[in-house]
């Protein structure tokens, strides 16, 4: 329902870091984000992994439903960083 793009850090831009961070995200029964973990890292030095996690925590989802009741589910999200 709502996604937030991650911010590039100045150091990552200066070092021309590009690619994708793969995240595992728990969507809670109210559609907000719970636990977020990095499954595939792009950059731990210049802060892009951390920026991807911060952005994912601001997302809002339609919650998963089982037997008509909202439930928590785990999803995978790719956060891409591309320089123009």
PDB file of N, CA and C in Angstrom:
ATOM      1  N   UNK A   1       0.818  -1.179   0.000  1.00  0.00           N
ATOM      2  CA  UNK A   1       0.000   0.000   0.000  1.00  0.00           C
ATOM      3  C   UNK A   1       0.871   1.255   0.000  1.00  0.00           C
ATOM      4  N   UNK A   2       1.999   1.189   0.728  1.00  0.00           N
ATOM      5  CA  UNK A   2       2.919   2.321   0.758  1.00  0.00           C
ATOM      6  C   UNK A   2       4.335   1.774   0.762  1.00  0.00           C
ATOM      7  N   UNK A   3       5.150   2.279  -0.152  1.00  0.00           N
ATOM      8  CA  UNK A   3       6.562   1.902  -0.122  1.00  0.00           C
ATOM      9  C   UNK A   3       7.411   3.166  -0.081  1.00  0.00           C
ATOM     10  N   UNK A   4       8.545   3.060   0.562  1.00  0.00           N
ATOM     11  CA  UNK A   4       9.484   4.166   0.714  1.00  0.00           C
ATOM     12  C   UNK A   4      10.788   3.736   0.072  1.00  0.00           C
ATOM     13  N   UNK A   5      11.319   4.587  -0.787  1.00  0.00           N
ATOM     14  CA  UNK A   5      12.593   4.286  -1.457  1.00  0.00           C
ATOM     15  C   UNK A   5      13.748   4.553  -0.500  1.00  0.00           C
ATOM     16  N   UNK A   6      14.784   3.721  -0.550  1.00  0.00           N
ATOM     17  CA  UNK A   6      15.940   3.950   0.318  1.00  0.00           C
ATOM     18  C   UNK A   6      16.756   5.149  -0.167  1.00  0.00           C
ATOM     19  N   UNK A   7      17.427   5.804   0.763  1.00  0.00           N
ATOM     20  CA  UNK A   7      18.298   6.928   0.435  1.00  0.00           C
ATOM     21  C   UNK A   7      19.716   6.447   0.190  1.00  0.00           C
ATOM     22  N   UNK A   8      20.361   7.051  -0.792  1.00  0.00           N
ATOM     23  CA  UNK A   8      21.782   6.818  -1.026  1.00  0.00           C
ATOM     24  C   UNK A   8      22.568   7.594   0.013  1.00  0.00           C
ATOM     25  N   UNK A   9      23.640   7.034   0.512  1.00  0.00           N
ATOM     26  CA  UNK A   9      24.539   7.795   1.383  1.00  0.00           C
ATOM     27  C   UNK A   9      25.569   8.498   0.498  1.00  0.00           C
ATOM     28  N   UNK A  10      26.106   9.590   0.996  1.00  0.00           N
ATOM     29  CA  UNK A  10      27.109  10.350   0.237  1.00  0.00           C
ATOM     30  C   UNK A  10      28.335   9.485  -0.053  1.00  0.00           C
ATOM     31  N   UNK A  11      28.749   8.679   0.926  1.00  0.00           N
ATOM     32  CA  UNK A  11      29.925   7.813   0.731  1.00  0.00           C
ATOM     33  C   UNK A  11      29.672   6.766  -0.346  1.00  0.00           C
ATOM     34  N   UNK A  12      28.466   6.209  -0.388  1.00  0.00           N
ATOM     35  CA  UNK A  12      28.143   5.207  -1.409  1.00  0.00           C
ATOM     36  C   UNK A  12      28.135   5.837  -2.800  1.00  0.00           C
ATOM     37  N   UNK A  13      27.629   7.060  -2.898  1.00  0.00           N
ATOM     38  CA  UNK A  13      27.645   7.768  -4.189  1.00  0.00           C
ATOM     39  C   UNK A  13      29.081   8.030  -4.619  1.00  0.00           C
ATOM     40  N   UNK A  14      29.898   8.527  -3.694  1.00  0.00           N
ATOM     41  CA  UNK A  14      31.294   8.833  -4.012  1.00  0.00           C
ATOM     42  C   UNK A  14      32.059   7.596  -4.461  1.00  0.00           C
ATOM     43  N   UNK A  15      31.680   6.438  -3.927  1.00  0.00           N
ATOM     44  CA  UNK A  15      32.364   5.185  -4.284  1.00  0.00           C
ATOM     45  C   UNK A  15      31.628   4.410  -5.377  1.00  0.00           C
ATOM     46  N   UNK A  16      30.579   5.024  -5.932  1.00  0.00           N
ATOM     47  CA  UNK A  16      29.837   4.477  -7.069  1.00  0.00           C
ATOM     48  C   UNK A  16      29.289   3.074  -6.792  1.00  0.00           C
ATOM     49  N   UNK A  17      28.755   2.848  -5.604  1.00  0.00           N
ATOM     50  CA  UNK A  17      28.190   1.556  -5.224  1.00  0.00           C
ATOM     51  C   UNK A  17      26.783   1.444  -5.815  1.00  0.00           C
ATOM     52  N   UNK A  18      26.522   0.373  -6.554  1.00  0.00           N
ATOM     53  CA  UNK A  18      25.208   0.109  -7.131  1.00  0.00           C
ATOM     54  C   UNK A  18      24.872  -1.363  -6.945  1.00  0.00           C
ATOM     55  N   UNK A  19      23.585  -1.658  -6.890  1.00  0.00           N
ATOM     56  CA  UNK A  19      23.153  -3.045  -6.785  1.00  0.00           C
ATOM     57  C   UNK A  19      21.878  -3.172  -5.978  1.00  0.00           C
ATOM     58  N   UNK A  20      21.670  -4.368  -5.437  1.00  0.00           N
ATOM     59  CA  UNK A  20      20.410  -4.686  -4.760  1.00  0.00           C
ATOM     60  C   UNK A  20      20.674  -5.300  -3.390  1.00  0.00           C
ATOM     61  N   UNK A  21      19.876  -4.865  -2.404  1.00  0.00           N
ATOM     62  CA  UNK A  21      19.863  -5.473  -1.074  1.00  0.00           C
ATOM     63  C   UNK A  21      18.603  -6.330  -1.010  1.00  0.00           C
ATOM     64  N   UNK A  22      18.738  -7.577  -0.607  1.00  0.00           N
ATOM     65  CA  UNK A  22      17.597  -8.480  -0.459  1.00  0.00           C
ATOM     66  C   UNK A  22      17.248  -8.563   1.027  1.00  0.00           C
ATOM     67  N   UNK A  23      15.984  -8.244   1.339  1.00  0.00           N
ATOM     68  CA  UNK A  23      15.532  -8.197   2.727  1.00  0.00           C
ATOM     69  C   UNK A  23      14.450  -9.231   2.993  1.00  0.00           C
ATOM     70  N   UNK A  24      14.449  -9.781   4.190  1.00  0.00           N
ATOM     71  CA  UNK A  24      13.365 -10.616   4.685  1.00  0.00           C
ATOM     72  C   UNK A  24      12.591  -9.761   5.677  1.00  0.00           C
ATOM     73  N   UNK A  25      11.274  -9.625   5.436  1.00  0.00           N
ATOM     74  CA  UNK A  25      10.448  -8.704   6.209  1.00  0.00           C
ATOM     75  C   UNK A  25       9.237  -9.451   6.765  1.00  0.00           C
ATOM     76  N   UNK A  26       8.939  -9.221   8.042  1.00  0.00           N
ATOM     77  CA  UNK A  26       7.716  -9.749   8.636  1.00  0.00           C
ATOM     78  C   UNK A  26       6.656  -8.651   8.556  1.00  0.00           C
ATOM     79  N   UNK A  27       5.566  -8.953   7.835  1.00  0.00           N
ATOM     80  CA  UNK A  27       4.426  -8.049   7.768  1.00  0.00           C
ATOM     81  C   UNK A  27       3.459  -8.472   8.866  1.00  0.00           C
ATOM     82  N   UNK A  28       3.209  -7.573   9.800  1.00  0.00           N
ATOM     83  CA  UNK A  28       2.345  -7.877  10.931  1.00  0.00           C
ATOM     84  C   UNK A  28       0.877  -7.895  10.511  1.00  0.00           C
ATOM     85  N   UNK A  29       0.029  -8.400  11.369  1.00  0.00           N
ATOM     86  CA  UNK A  29      -1.388  -8.564  11.032  1.00  0.00           C
ATOM     87  C   UNK A  29      -2.110  -7.240  10.781  1.00  0.00           C
ATOM     88  N   UNK A  30      -1.505  -6.125  11.184  1.00  0.00           N
ATOM     89  CA  UNK A  30      -2.111  -4.818  10.901  1.00  0.00           C
ATOM     90  C   UNK A  30      -1.518  -4.146   9.665  1.00  0.00           C
ATOM     91  N   UNK A  31      -0.613  -4.852   8.966  1.00  0.00           N
ATOM     92  CA  UNK A  31      -0.024  -4.345   7.727  1.00  0.00           C
ATOM     93  C   UNK A  31       1.267  -3.570   7.913  1.00  0.00           C
ATOM     94  N   UNK A  32       1.661  -3.310   9.154  1.00  0.00           N
ATOM     95  CA  UNK A  32       2.931  -2.633   9.393  1.00  0.00           C
ATOM     96  C   UNK A  32       4.068  -3.654   9.363  1.00  0.00           C
ATOM     97  N   UNK A  33       5.289  -3.138   9.361  1.00  0.00           N
ATOM     98  CA  UNK A  33       6.470  -4.000   9.265  1.00  0.00           C
ATOM     99  C   UNK A  33       7.019  -4.281  10.654  1.00  0.00           C
ATOM    100  N   UNK A  34       7.306  -5.552  10.904  1.00  0.00           N
ATOM    101  CA  UNK A  34       7.949  -5.964  12.146  1.00  0.00           C
ATOM    102  C   UNK A  34       9.435  -6.146  11.914  1.00  0.00           C
ATOM    103  N   UNK A  35       9.910  -7.364  12.075  1.00  0.00           N
ATOM    104  CA  UNK A  35      11.331  -7.688  11.935  1.00  0.00           C
ATOM    105  C   UNK A  35      11.787  -7.543  10.482  1.00  0.00           C
ATOM    106  N   UNK A  36      12.946  -6.939  10.290  1.00  0.00           N
ATOM    107  CA  UNK A  36      13.573  -6.819   8.971  1.00  0.00           C
ATOM    108  C   UNK A  36      15.002  -7.319   9.096  1.00  0.00           C
ATOM    109  N   UNK A  37      15.399  -8.222   8.197  1.00  0.00           N
ATOM    110  CA  UNK A  37      16.786  -8.693   8.200  1.00  0.00           C
ATOM    111  C   UNK A  37      17.320  -8.725   6.774  1.00  0.00           C
ATOM    112  N   UNK A  38      18.623  -8.538   6.659  1.00  0.00           N
ATOM    113  CA  UNK A  38      19.291  -8.543   5.358  1.00  0.00           C
ATOM    114  C   UNK A  38      19.612  -9.982   4.987  1.00  0.00           C
ATOM    115  N   UNK A  39      19.083 -10.419   3.846  1.00  0.00           N
ATOM    116  CA  UNK A  39      19.335 -11.774   3.343  1.00  0.00           C
ATOM    117  C   UNK A  39      20.569 -11.766   2.439  1.00  0.00           C
ATOM    118  N   UNK A  40      20.646 -10.746   1.567  1.00  0.00           N
ATOM    119  CA  UNK A  40      21.805 -10.598   0.679  1.00  0.00           C
ATOM    120  C   UNK A  40      22.255  -9.146   0.747  1.00  0.00           C
ATOM    121  N   UNK A  41      23.457  -8.946   1.240  1.00  0.00           N
ATOM    122  CA  UNK A  41      24.007  -7.612   1.456  1.00  0.00           C
ATOM    123  C   UNK A  41      24.566  -7.031   0.157  1.00  0.00           C
ATOM    124  N   UNK A  42      24.455  -5.729   0.045  1.00  0.00           N
ATOM    125  CA  UNK A  42      25.122  -4.990  -1.027  1.00  0.00           C
ATOM    126  C   UNK A  42      26.328  -4.267  -0.453  1.00  0.00           C
ATOM    127  N   UNK A  43      26.142  -3.648   0.724  1.00  0.00           N
ATOM    128  CA  UNK A  43      27.176  -2.768   1.239  1.00  0.00           C
ATOM    129  C   UNK A  43      27.009  -2.552   2.738  1.00  0.00           C
ATOM    130  N   UNK A  44      27.972  -3.013   3.499  1.00  0.00           N
ATOM    131  CA  UNK A  44      27.951  -2.742   4.934  1.00  0.00           C
ATOM    132  C   UNK A  44      28.889  -1.590   5.287  1.00  0.00           C
ATOM    133  N   UNK A  45      29.763  -1.208   4.380  1.00  0.00           N
ATOM    134  CA  UNK A  45      30.752  -0.165   4.632  1.00  0.00           C
ATOM    135  C   UNK A  45      30.180   1.235   4.504  1.00  0.00           C
ATOM    136  N   UNK A  46      29.390   1.480   3.473  1.00  0.00           N
ATOM    137  CA  UNK A  46      28.928   2.836   3.166  1.00  0.00           C
ATOM    138  C   UNK A  46      27.462   3.074   3.546  1.00  0.00           C
ATOM    139  N   UNK A  47      26.832   2.111   4.210  1.00  0.00           N
ATOM    140  CA  UNK A  47      25.518   2.328   4.788  1.00  0.00           C
ATOM    141  C   UNK A  47      24.306   1.995   3.945  1.00  0.00           C
ATOM    142  N   UNK A  48      24.476   1.367   2.793  1.00  0.00           N
ATOM    143  CA  UNK A  48      23.314   1.091   1.952  1.00  0.00           C
ATOM    144  C   UNK A  48      22.421  -0.005   2.526  1.00  0.00           C
ATOM    145  N   UNK A  49      22.999  -1.029   3.132  1.00  0.00           N
ATOM    146  CA  UNK A  49      22.173  -2.060   3.776  1.00  0.00           C
ATOM    147  C   UNK A  49      21.291  -1.418   4.852  1.00  0.00           C
ATOM    148  N   UNK A  50      21.880  -0.564   5.663  1.00  0.00           N
ATOM    149  CA  UNK A  50      21.129   0.101   6.740  1.00  0.00           C
ATOM    150  C   UNK A  50      20.036   1.001   6.174  1.00  0.00           C
ATOM    151  N   UNK A  51      20.313   1.686   5.066  1.00  0.00           N
ATOM    152  CA  UNK A  51      19.310   2.544   4.445  1.00  0.00           C
ATOM    153  C   UNK A  51      18.150   1.719   3.897  1.00  0.00           C
ATOM    154  N   UNK A  52      18.450   0.544   3.362  1.00  0.00           N
ATOM    155  CA  UNK A  52      17.396  -0.342   2.850  1.00  0.00           C
ATOM    156  C   UNK A  52      16.498  -0.804   3.998  1.00  0.00           C
ATOM    157  N   UNK A  53      17.087  -1.165   5.129  1.00  0.00           N
ATOM    158  CA  UNK A  53      16.306  -1.596   6.294  1.00  0.00           C
ATOM    159  C   UNK A  53      15.438  -0.449   6.799  1.00  0.00           C
ATOM    160  N   UNK A  54      16.006   0.751   6.896  1.00  0.00           N
ATOM    161  CA  UNK A  54      15.234   1.912   7.360  1.00  0.00           C
ATOM    162  C   UNK A  54      14.035   2.178   6.445  1.00  0.00           C
ATOM    163  N   UNK A  55      14.240   2.086   5.146  1.00  0.00           N
ATOM    164  CA  UNK A  55      13.148   2.319   4.195  1.00  0.00           C
ATOM    165  C   UNK A  55      12.071   1.244   4.342  1.00  0.00           C
ATOM    166  N   UNK A  56      12.480  -0.020   4.438  1.00  0.00           N
ATOM    167  CA  UNK A  56      11.517  -1.125   4.536  1.00  0.00           C
ATOM    168  C   UNK A  56      10.646  -1.000   5.783  1.00  0.00           C
ATOM    169  N   UNK A  57      11.206  -0.512   6.870  1.00  0.00           N
ATOM    170  CA  UNK A  57      10.447  -0.381   8.119  1.00  0.00           C
ATOM    171  C   UNK A  57       9.317   0.641   8.003  1.00  0.00           C
ATOM    172  N   UNK A  58       9.346   1.475   6.959  1.00  0.00           N
ATOM    173  CA  UNK A  58       8.314   2.485   6.762  1.00  0.00           C
ATOM    174  C   UNK A  58       7.212   2.015   5.806  1.00  0.00           C
ATOM    175  N   UNK A  59       7.380   0.834   5.229  1.00  0.00           N
ATOM    176  CA  UNK A  59       6.382   0.326   4.282  1.00  0.00           C
ATOM    177  C   UNK A  59       5.095  -0.035   5.018  1.00  0.00           C
ATOM    178  N   UNK A  60       4.006  -0.065   4.252  1.00  0.00           N
ATOM    179  CA  UNK A  60       2.705  -0.481   4.766  1.00  0.00           C
ATOM    180  C   UNK A  60       2.089  -1.441   3.760  1.00  0.00           C
ATOM    181  N   UNK A  61       1.616  -2.568   4.237  1.00  0.00           N
ATOM    182  CA  UNK A  61       1.097  -3.631   3.380  1.00  0.00           C
ATOM    183  C   UNK A  61      -0.372  -3.909   3.679  1.00  0.00           C
ATOM    184  N   UNK A  62      -1.048  -4.541   2.727  1.00  0.00           N
ATOM    185  CA  UNK A  62      -2.304  -5.214   3.039  1.00  0.00           C
ATOM    186  C   UNK A  62      -1.873  -6.479   3.770  1.00  0.00           C
ATOM    187  N   UNK A  63      -2.397  -6.738   4.969  1.00  0.00           N
ATOM    188  CA  UNK A  63      -1.927  -7.901   5.728  1.00  0.00           C
ATOM    189  C   UNK A  63      -2.338  -9.223   5.068  1.00  0.00           C
ATOM    190  N   UNK A  64      -1.579 -10.261   5.383  1.00  0.00           N
ATOM    191  CA  UNK A  64      -1.958 -11.595   4.943  1.00  0.00           C
ATOM    192  C   UNK A  64      -3.215 -12.027   5.685  1.00  0.00           C
ATOM    193  N   UNK A  65      -3.989 -12.897   5.053  1.00  0.00           N
ATOM    194  CA  UNK A  65      -5.237 -13.367   5.670  1.00  0.00           C
ATOM    195  C   UNK A  65      -5.275 -14.888   5.606  1.00  0.00           C
ATOM    196  N   UNK A  66      -5.631 -15.503   6.735  1.00  0.00           N
ATOM    197  CA  UNK A  66      -5.817 -16.951   6.784  1.00  0.00           C
ATOM    198  C   UNK A  66      -7.154 -17.213   7.466  1.00  0.00           C
ATOM    199  N   UNK A  67      -8.016 -17.949   6.791  1.00  0.00           N
ATOM    200  CA  UNK A  67      -9.351 -18.252   7.307  1.00  0.00           C
ATOM    201  C   UNK A  67     -10.112 -16.979   7.675  1.00  0.00           C
ATOM    202  N   UNK A  68      -9.914 -15.930   6.860  1.00  0.00           N
ATOM    203  CA  UNK A  68     -10.618 -14.675   7.063  1.00  0.00           C
ATOM    204  C   UNK A  68     -10.060 -13.779   8.158  1.00  0.00           C
ATOM    205  N   UNK A  69      -8.946 -14.191   8.761  1.00  0.00           N
ATOM    206  CA  UNK A  69      -8.355 -13.431   9.864  1.00  0.00           C
ATOM    207  C   UNK A  69      -6.976 -12.910   9.439  1.00  0.00           C
ATOM    208  N   UNK A  70      -6.690 -11.610   9.648  1.00  0.00           N
ATOM    209  CA  UNK A  70      -5.354 -11.091   9.327  1.00  0.00           C
ATOM    210  C   UNK A  70      -4.274 -11.803  10.145  1.00  0.00           C
ATOM    211  N   UNK A  71      -3.178 -12.158   9.483  1.00  0.00           N
ATOM    212  CA  UNK A  71      -2.065 -12.845  10.145  1.00  0.00           C
ATOM    213  C   UNK A  71      -0.747 -12.230   9.700  1.00  0.00           C
ATOM    214  N   UNK A  72       0.282 -12.439  10.492  1.00  0.00           N
ATOM    215  CA  UNK A  72       1.631 -12.008  10.127  1.00  0.00           C
ATOM    216  C   UNK A  72       2.188 -12.959   9.067  1.00  0.00           C
ATOM    217  N   UNK A  73       2.912 -12.407   8.107  1.00  0.00           N
ATOM    218  CA  UNK A  73       3.558 -13.202   7.065  1.00  0.00           C
ATOM    219  C   UNK A  73       4.964 -12.669   6.834  1.00  0.00           C
ATOM    220  N   UNK A  74       5.811 -13.528   6.300  1.00  0.00           N
ATOM    221  CA  UNK A  74       7.172 -13.121   5.941  1.00  0.00           C
ATOM    222  C   UNK A  74       7.235 -12.957   4.423  1.00  0.00           C
ATOM    223  N   UNK A  75       7.802 -11.826   3.984  1.00  0.00           N
ATOM    224  CA  UNK A  75       7.960 -11.558   2.555  1.00  0.00           C
ATOM    225  C   UNK A  75       9.411 -11.178   2.283  1.00  0.00           C
ATOM    226  N   UNK A  76       9.785 -11.264   1.018  1.00  0.00           N
ATOM    227  CA  UNK A  76      11.119 -10.868   0.590  1.00  0.00           C
ATOM    228  C   UNK A  76      10.992  -9.616  -0.265  1.00  0.00           C
ATOM    229  N   UNK A  77      11.842  -8.632   0.015  1.00  0.00           N
ATOM    230  CA  UNK A  77      11.843  -7.372  -0.715  1.00  0.00           C
ATOM    231  C   UNK A  77      13.235  -7.123  -1.271  1.00  0.00           C
ATOM    232  N   UNK A  78      13.300  -6.670  -2.529  1.00  0.00           N
ATOM    233  CA  UNK A  78      14.557  -6.214  -3.120  1.00  0.00           C
ATOM    234  C   UNK A  78      14.572  -4.696  -3.106  1.00  0.00           C
ATOM    235  N   UNK A  79      15.622  -4.117  -2.566  1.00  0.00           N
ATOM    236  CA  UNK A  79      15.815  -2.666  -2.593  1.00  0.00           C
ATOM    237  C   UNK A  79      16.990  -2.397  -3.534  1.00  0.00           C
ATOM    238  N   UNK A  80      16.713  -1.650  -4.600  1.00  0.00           N
ATOM    239  CA  UNK A  80      17.744  -1.379  -5.601  1.00  0.00           C
ATOM    240  C   UNK A  80      18.343   0.002  -5.418  1.00  0.00           C
ATOM    241  N   UNK A  81      19.641   0.076  -5.640  1.00  0.00           N
ATOM    242  CA  UNK A  81      20.375   1.321  -5.622  1.00  0.00           C
ATOM    243  C   UNK A  81      21.031   1.486  -6.986  1.00  0.00           C
ATOM    244  N   UNK A  82      20.632   2.539  -7.708  1.00  0.00           N
ATOM    245  CA  UNK A  82      21.142   2.781  -9.050  1.00  0.00           C
ATOM    246  C   UNK A  82      21.540   4.236  -9.190  1.00  0.00           C
ATOM    247  N   UNK A  83      22.762   4.477  -9.597  1.00  0.00           N
ATOM    248  CA  UNK A  83      23.220   5.843  -9.845  1.00  0.00           C
ATOM    249  C   UNK A  83      22.804   6.272 -11.241  1.00  0.00           C
ATOM    250  N   UNK A  84      22.486   7.526 -11.373  1.00  0.00           N
ATOM    251  CA  UNK A  84      22.079   8.043 -12.701  1.00  0.00           C
ATOM    252  C   UNK A  84      23.248   8.681 -13.398  1.00  0.00           C
TER     253      UNK A  84
END
